[in-house]
N, C-alpha and C. Protein backbone atom coordinates (compact mmCIF):
# COMPACT_ATOMS: atom_id res chain seq x y z
N MET A 1 -49.84 61.52 19.75
CA MET A 1 -48.72 62.12 19.11
C MET A 1 -47.32 62.03 20.15
N SER A 2 -46.25 61.64 19.77
CA SER A 2 -45.23 61.19 20.67
C SER A 2 -44.52 62.84 21.15
N TRP A 3 -43.94 62.21 22.46
CA TRP A 3 -43.23 63.66 22.99
C TRP A 3 -41.85 64.09 22.28
N GLU A 4 -41.51 63.36 21.56
CA GLU A 4 -40.49 63.90 20.62
C GLU A 4 -41.53 64.96 19.97
N GLU A 5 -42.31 64.55 19.13
CA GLU A 5 -43.19 65.58 18.24
C GLU A 5 -43.63 66.34 18.84
N LEU A 6 -44.29 66.47 20.06
CA LEU A 6 -44.31 67.67 20.79
C LEU A 6 -43.47 68.48 21.05
N MET A 7 -42.24 68.30 21.15
CA MET A 7 -41.12 68.86 22.10
C MET A 7 -40.44 69.47 20.54
N ASN A 8 -40.62 68.99 19.38
CA ASN A 8 -40.17 69.51 18.24
C ASN A 8 -41.09 70.77 18.10
N ALA A 9 -42.47 70.78 18.34
CA ALA A 9 -43.09 71.75 18.12
C ALA A 9 -43.18 73.06 19.09
N VAL A 10 -42.38 72.43 20.34
CA VAL A 10 -42.15 73.38 21.76
C VAL A 10 -40.72 74.26 21.00
N VAL A 11 -40.14 73.63 20.15
CA VAL A 11 -38.49 74.11 19.79
C VAL A 11 -39.38 75.18 18.78
N LEU A 12 -40.07 75.14 18.21
CA LEU A 12 -40.61 75.94 16.88
C LEU A 12 -41.22 77.26 17.60
N ILE A 13 -41.95 77.24 18.60
CA ILE A 13 -42.63 77.84 19.40
C ILE A 13 -41.60 79.05 20.03
N GLU A 14 -40.63 78.50 20.44
CA GLU A 14 -39.44 78.91 21.03
C GLU A 14 -38.55 79.87 19.81
N SER A 15 -38.54 79.29 18.79
CA SER A 15 -37.75 79.94 17.98
C SER A 15 -38.77 81.29 17.35
N HIS A 16 -40.03 81.47 17.67
CA HIS A 16 -40.73 82.67 17.37
C HIS A 16 -40.65 83.59 18.58
N GLY A 17 -39.80 83.66 19.25
CA GLY A 17 -39.96 84.19 20.62
C GLY A 17 -40.55 84.03 21.70
N PHE A 18 -41.36 82.76 21.97
CA PHE A 18 -41.95 82.51 22.74
C PHE A 18 -41.52 81.96 23.63
N GLU A 19 -41.63 81.37 25.04
CA GLU A 19 -41.56 80.92 25.95
C GLU A 19 -42.53 79.66 26.21
N PHE A 20 -42.14 78.70 26.43
CA PHE A 20 -42.79 77.70 26.54
C PHE A 20 -42.84 76.64 27.86
N PHE A 21 -43.59 76.82 29.07
CA PHE A 21 -42.91 76.47 30.21
C PHE A 21 -44.11 75.12 30.96
N ILE A 22 -43.73 74.22 31.32
CA ILE A 22 -44.58 73.58 32.36
C ILE A 22 -43.95 73.60 33.61
N VAL A 23 -44.83 74.03 34.65
CA VAL A 23 -44.53 74.65 35.78
C VAL A 23 -45.58 73.79 36.61
N GLU A 24 -45.05 72.53 37.26
CA GLU A 24 -46.28 72.09 38.49
C GLU A 24 -47.48 71.49 37.70
N ASN A 25 -48.40 72.07 37.79
CA ASN A 25 -49.47 71.49 37.36
C ASN A 25 -50.14 72.57 36.01
N ARG A 26 -49.47 73.41 35.41
CA ARG A 26 -49.68 74.05 34.64
C ARG A 26 -48.66 74.06 33.17
N VAL A 27 -49.41 74.56 31.95
CA VAL A 27 -48.54 74.78 30.73
C VAL A 27 -48.75 76.68 30.86
N LYS A 28 -47.79 77.25 30.28
CA LYS A 28 -47.23 78.79 30.17
C LYS A 28 -46.94 79.19 28.79
N VAL A 29 -47.17 79.85 28.30
CA VAL A 29 -46.65 80.64 27.09
C VAL A 29 -46.87 81.61 27.45
N ARG A 30 -45.30 82.43 27.22
CA ARG A 30 -45.25 84.03 26.96
C ARG A 30 -44.26 84.34 25.62
N HIS A 31 -44.67 85.40 25.46
CA HIS A 31 -43.94 86.42 24.73
C HIS A 31 -42.88 87.27 24.74
N ASN A 32 -41.65 86.92 24.40
CA ASN A 32 -40.90 88.06 24.71
C ASN A 32 -40.41 89.10 23.81
N THR A 33 -40.67 90.54 24.27
CA THR A 33 -40.53 91.41 23.04
C THR A 33 -39.41 91.96 24.07
N ASP A 34 -38.76 93.24 23.48
CA ASP A 34 -37.80 94.07 23.89
C ASP A 34 -37.66 95.00 25.20
N HIS A 35 -39.30 94.98 25.49
CA HIS A 35 -39.60 96.00 26.91
C HIS A 35 -40.16 95.01 27.56
N CYS A 36 -40.84 94.21 27.20
CA CYS A 36 -41.36 93.05 28.56
C CYS A 36 -41.66 91.61 28.28
N ILE A 37 -42.25 90.99 28.71
CA ILE A 37 -42.96 89.68 28.58
C ILE A 37 -44.21 89.24 28.68
N ASP A 38 -45.32 89.10 27.99
CA ASP A 38 -46.67 89.05 28.21
C ASP A 38 -46.94 87.54 28.29
N LEU A 39 -47.58 87.18 29.16
CA LEU A 39 -48.09 86.01 29.24
C LEU A 39 -49.38 86.08 27.88
N VAL A 40 -48.98 85.11 27.08
CA VAL A 40 -50.38 84.77 25.70
C VAL A 40 -51.45 83.88 26.64
N PHE A 41 -50.78 82.52 27.33
CA PHE A 41 -51.80 81.79 27.61
C PHE A 41 -51.58 81.09 29.09
N GLU A 42 -52.07 80.27 29.55
CA GLU A 42 -51.96 79.29 30.58
C GLU A 42 -53.58 78.27 30.52
N ILE A 43 -52.54 76.99 30.94
CA ILE A 43 -53.82 75.80 30.41
C ILE A 43 -53.13 74.87 31.84
N GLU A 44 -54.05 74.70 32.77
CA GLU A 44 -54.10 73.67 33.79
C GLU A 44 -53.84 72.31 33.00
N THR A 45 -52.47 71.33 33.61
CA THR A 45 -51.90 69.95 32.93
C THR A 45 -53.60 69.05 33.81
N GLY A 46 -53.50 68.81 34.88
CA GLY A 46 -54.26 68.01 35.47
C GLY A 46 -53.31 66.74 35.62
N SER A 47 -53.98 65.63 35.16
CA SER A 47 -53.03 64.45 35.53
C SER A 47 -52.29 64.31 34.05
N ASN A 48 -52.70 64.55 33.03
CA ASN A 48 -52.10 64.19 31.50
C ASN A 48 -51.56 65.41 30.82
N LYS A 49 -50.05 65.48 31.21
CA LYS A 49 -49.22 67.04 30.74
C LYS A 49 -49.25 66.34 29.44
N LYS A 50 -48.92 64.94 28.66
CA LYS A 50 -48.60 65.31 27.21
C LYS A 50 -50.01 65.75 26.75
N ASP A 51 -51.24 65.25 27.20
CA ASP A 51 -52.49 65.97 26.57
C ASP A 51 -52.56 67.60 26.47
N ALA A 52 -52.05 68.02 28.01
CA ALA A 52 -52.24 69.56 27.96
C ALA A 52 -51.27 70.28 27.04
N VAL A 53 -49.88 69.33 26.99
CA VAL A 53 -48.75 70.19 25.62
C VAL A 53 -49.36 70.28 24.07
N TYR A 54 -50.57 69.07 24.03
CA TYR A 54 -50.50 69.09 22.64
C TYR A 54 -52.04 70.03 22.38
N GLN A 55 -52.34 70.37 23.62
CA GLN A 55 -53.75 71.25 23.63
C GLN A 55 -53.19 72.61 23.67
N SER A 56 -51.79 72.79 24.18
CA SER A 56 -50.91 73.98 24.23
C SER A 56 -50.80 74.11 22.96
N ILE A 57 -50.26 73.53 22.20
CA ILE A 57 -49.24 73.80 20.96
C ILE A 57 -50.89 74.30 19.92
N ILE A 58 -51.90 73.23 20.17
CA ILE A 58 -53.23 73.72 19.37
C ILE A 58 -53.53 75.16 19.34
N LYS A 59 -53.67 75.54 20.66
CA LYS A 59 -54.36 77.25 21.14
C LYS A 59 -53.12 77.78 20.97
N PHE A 60 -51.98 77.33 21.00
CA PHE A 60 -50.82 78.44 20.13
C PHE A 60 -51.10 78.84 18.70
N GLU A 61 -51.35 77.77 17.85
CA GLU A 61 -51.56 77.97 16.50
C GLU A 61 -52.84 78.86 16.24
N ARG A 62 -53.97 78.67 16.94
CA ARG A 62 -55.00 79.21 16.73
C ARG A 62 -55.00 80.92 17.32
N ILE A 63 -54.18 81.17 18.26
CA ILE A 63 -53.89 82.53 18.69
C ILE A 63 -52.85 83.17 18.09
N THR A 64 -52.12 82.86 17.94
CA THR A 64 -50.98 83.52 16.78
C THR A 64 -50.95 83.19 15.37
N GLY A 65 -51.65 82.55 14.94
CA GLY A 65 -52.07 82.43 13.36
C GLY A 65 -50.63 81.57 12.65
N ILE A 66 -49.92 80.99 14.01
CA ILE A 66 -48.29 80.28 13.09
C ILE A 66 -48.73 79.14 13.00
N ASN A 67 -48.48 78.63 11.90
CA ASN A 67 -48.39 76.77 11.35
C ASN A 67 -47.37 76.69 11.52
N LEU A 68 -47.45 75.72 12.52
CA LEU A 68 -46.07 74.89 13.26
C LEU A 68 -45.87 73.75 12.29
N SER A 69 -46.59 73.06 11.41
CA SER A 69 -46.82 71.99 10.24
C SER A 69 -46.36 70.95 11.51
N LEU A 70 -47.03 70.45 12.36
CA LEU A 70 -46.62 69.44 12.84
C LEU A 70 -46.10 67.95 12.24
N ILE A 71 -46.96 67.87 11.45
CA ILE A 71 -46.58 66.40 10.49
C ILE A 71 -45.19 66.34 10.03
N HIS A 72 -44.67 67.62 9.57
CA HIS A 72 -43.24 67.53 9.25
C HIS A 72 -42.14 68.31 9.64
N ILE A 73 -42.65 68.15 11.14
CA ILE A 73 -41.13 68.84 11.69
C ILE A 73 -40.25 67.55 12.03
N SER A 74 -39.00 68.19 11.60
CA SER A 74 -37.85 67.22 11.61
C SER A 74 -36.65 67.85 12.46
N GLU A 75 -36.69 68.62 13.20
CA GLU A 75 -35.55 69.32 14.00
C GLU A 75 -35.50 68.40 15.33
N PRO A 76 -34.44 68.28 15.83
CA PRO A 76 -33.96 67.84 17.04
C PRO A 76 -34.72 68.51 18.12
N THR A 77 -34.68 67.55 19.24
CA THR A 77 -35.53 68.10 20.28
C THR A 77 -34.63 68.24 21.15
N ARG A 78 -34.98 69.10 22.55
CA ARG A 78 -34.57 69.10 23.61
C ARG A 78 -35.11 68.31 24.91
N PRO A 79 -34.65 68.29 25.70
CA PRO A 79 -35.03 67.41 27.07
C PRO A 79 -35.94 68.24 27.66
N LEU A 80 -37.40 67.44 27.85
CA LEU A 80 -38.58 68.18 28.52
C LEU A 80 -38.17 68.24 30.47
N TYR A 81 -38.19 69.09 31.15
CA TYR A 81 -38.02 69.05 32.09
C TYR A 81 -39.47 69.41 33.26
N ILE A 82 -40.18 68.48 33.77
CA ILE A 82 -41.14 68.89 34.58
C ILE A 82 -41.00 68.84 36.00
N SER A 83 -41.38 70.02 36.55
CA SER A 83 -41.49 70.18 37.98
C SER A 83 -42.33 69.74 38.37
């Protein structure tokens, strides 16, 4: 899966009220509500950030039950900032 396809999935995750972060060696997914921000999960990236992003997207679908339909994503992507 290309970075563009992965970032399209991240945009969809964020459109459902979640935040998707890549910080140092971790991917974090948080859920925003009116009252608080809850950590949904966190994954260590190791040396392969692309694989960690992919695994995070799969885990997000499994935990939330939201199907992102990765095959049919056609929205524009946003830049990925990795620190």
